[in-house]
Amino acid sequence: MHVALQHWQLHLEGAQSLKDRRSVLQRLKAALRRECNASVAETGETEQWQRAEISCAVVGSDRTVVEGILRAADRLVASADGARVIDTEVTWL
């Protein structure tokens, strides 16, 4: 079994309130769940309007499949409206 966690540090360019922030993050988390079938959570930077950290977990029996899902998730986050990736990190468990 292969387990990977991917974390993204994001800058939310247009967020002027917590409502704007929540809107961007909810759309992004829903897209990751729908498109990548990954578990997703907001894991940090919860107090700032224009910063966020989200993480996703992927589990699979084949490492290449898990890597493919992580690449797809990374592309999806990179192309998200209203969010710019500052940093990303992958951890294998």
Protein backbone atom coordinates (compact mmCIF):
# COMPACT_ATOMS: atom_id res chain seq x y z
CA MET A 1 0.00 0.00 0.00
CA HIS A 2 1.26 3.49 -0.87
CA VAL A 3 0.14 6.62 0.98
CA ALA A 4 1.08 10.15 0.00
CA LEU A 5 0.22 13.57 1.37
CA GLN A 6 0.53 16.71 -0.70
CA HIS A 7 0.46 20.17 0.86
CA TRP A 8 0.02 23.48 -0.97
CA GLN A 9 0.73 26.94 0.42
CA LEU A 10 -1.55 29.32 -1.46
CA HIS A 11 -1.89 33.05 -1.96
CA LEU A 12 -5.52 34.03 -2.53
CA GLU A 13 -5.10 37.13 -4.66
CA GLY A 14 -8.62 38.52 -4.68
CA ALA A 15 -9.72 37.61 -1.16
CA GLN A 16 -10.81 40.73 0.70
CA SER A 17 -12.75 38.90 3.42
CA LEU A 18 -13.13 35.50 5.03
CA LYS A 19 -16.17 34.96 2.80
CA ASP A 20 -14.04 35.45 -0.35
CA ARG A 21 -11.40 33.12 1.07
CA ARG A 22 -13.92 30.43 1.95
CA SER A 23 -15.47 30.61 -1.51
CA VAL A 24 -12.16 30.00 -3.29
CA LEU A 25 -11.15 27.18 -0.95
CA GLN A 26 -14.51 25.41 -1.06
CA ARG A 27 -14.47 25.34 -4.86
CA LEU A 28 -10.89 24.08 -4.89
CA LYS A 29 -11.48 21.37 -2.28
CA ALA A 30 -14.65 20.19 -4.05
CA ALA A 31 -12.79 19.99 -7.38
CA LEU A 32 -9.97 17.95 -5.81
CA ARG A 33 -12.48 15.54 -4.28
CA ARG A 34 -14.45 15.24 -7.50
CA GLU A 35 -11.62 15.10 -10.05
CA CYS A 36 -8.93 13.27 -8.06
CA ASN A 37 -10.99 11.26 -5.57
CA ALA A 38 -8.68 12.49 -2.82
CA SER A 39 -9.27 13.37 0.82
CA VAL A 40 -8.79 17.12 1.18
CA ALA A 41 -8.62 19.47 4.17
CA GLU A 42 -7.56 22.98 5.02
CA THR A 43 -4.56 22.39 7.27
CA GLY A 44 -3.09 25.77 8.07
CA GLU A 45 -3.02 29.55 7.63
CA THR A 46 -6.62 29.81 8.83
CA GLU A 47 -6.36 33.33 10.25
CA GLN A 48 -5.24 35.26 7.16
CA TRP A 49 -7.57 36.22 4.33
CA GLN A 50 -5.06 35.93 1.52
CA ARG A 51 -3.09 32.89 2.70
CA ALA A 52 -4.16 29.27 2.93
CA GLU A 53 -2.74 25.80 3.23
CA ILE A 54 -4.60 22.79 1.90
CA SER A 55 -3.55 19.17 1.94
CA CYS A 56 -4.75 16.05 0.20
CA ALA A 57 -4.16 12.39 0.95
CA VAL A 58 -4.05 9.65 -1.66
CA VAL A 59 -3.89 5.92 -0.98
CA GLY A 60 -3.34 3.22 -3.58
CA SER A 61 -1.87 -0.19 -4.18
CA ASP A 62 0.40 1.03 -7.01
CA ARG A 63 2.86 3.89 -6.50
CA THR A 64 2.63 5.03 -10.13
CA VAL A 65 -1.14 5.43 -9.82
CA VAL A 66 -0.74 7.49 -6.65
CA GLU A 67 1.92 9.64 -8.35
CA GLY A 68 -0.43 10.21 -11.30
CA ILE A 69 -3.23 11.32 -9.01
CA LEU A 70 -0.87 13.72 -7.22
CA ARG A 71 0.27 15.20 -10.55
CA ALA A 72 -3.37 15.70 -11.57
CA ALA A 73 -4.12 17.32 -8.21
CA ASP A 74 -1.11 19.62 -8.59
CA ARG A 75 -2.26 20.72 -12.05
CA LEU A 76 -5.77 21.35 -10.74
CA VAL A 77 -4.51 23.50 -7.84
CA ALA A 78 -2.11 25.39 -10.12
CA SER A 79 -4.95 26.27 -12.49
CA ALA A 80 -7.48 27.24 -9.80
CA ASP A 81 -9.13 30.64 -10.16
CA GLY A 82 -8.23 33.02 -7.36
CA ALA A 83 -5.34 30.99 -5.94
CA ARG A 84 -1.62 31.04 -6.68
CA VAL A 85 0.67 28.27 -5.45
CA ILE A 86 3.50 29.60 -3.28
CA ASP A 87 4.95 26.25 -2.23
CA THR A 88 4.12 22.55 -2.45
CA GLU A 89 5.41 19.51 -0.63
CA VAL A 90 4.81 15.77 -1.03
CA THR A 91 5.30 13.33 1.85
CA TRP A 92 5.24 9.56 1.39
CA LEU A 93 4.17 7.50 4.39
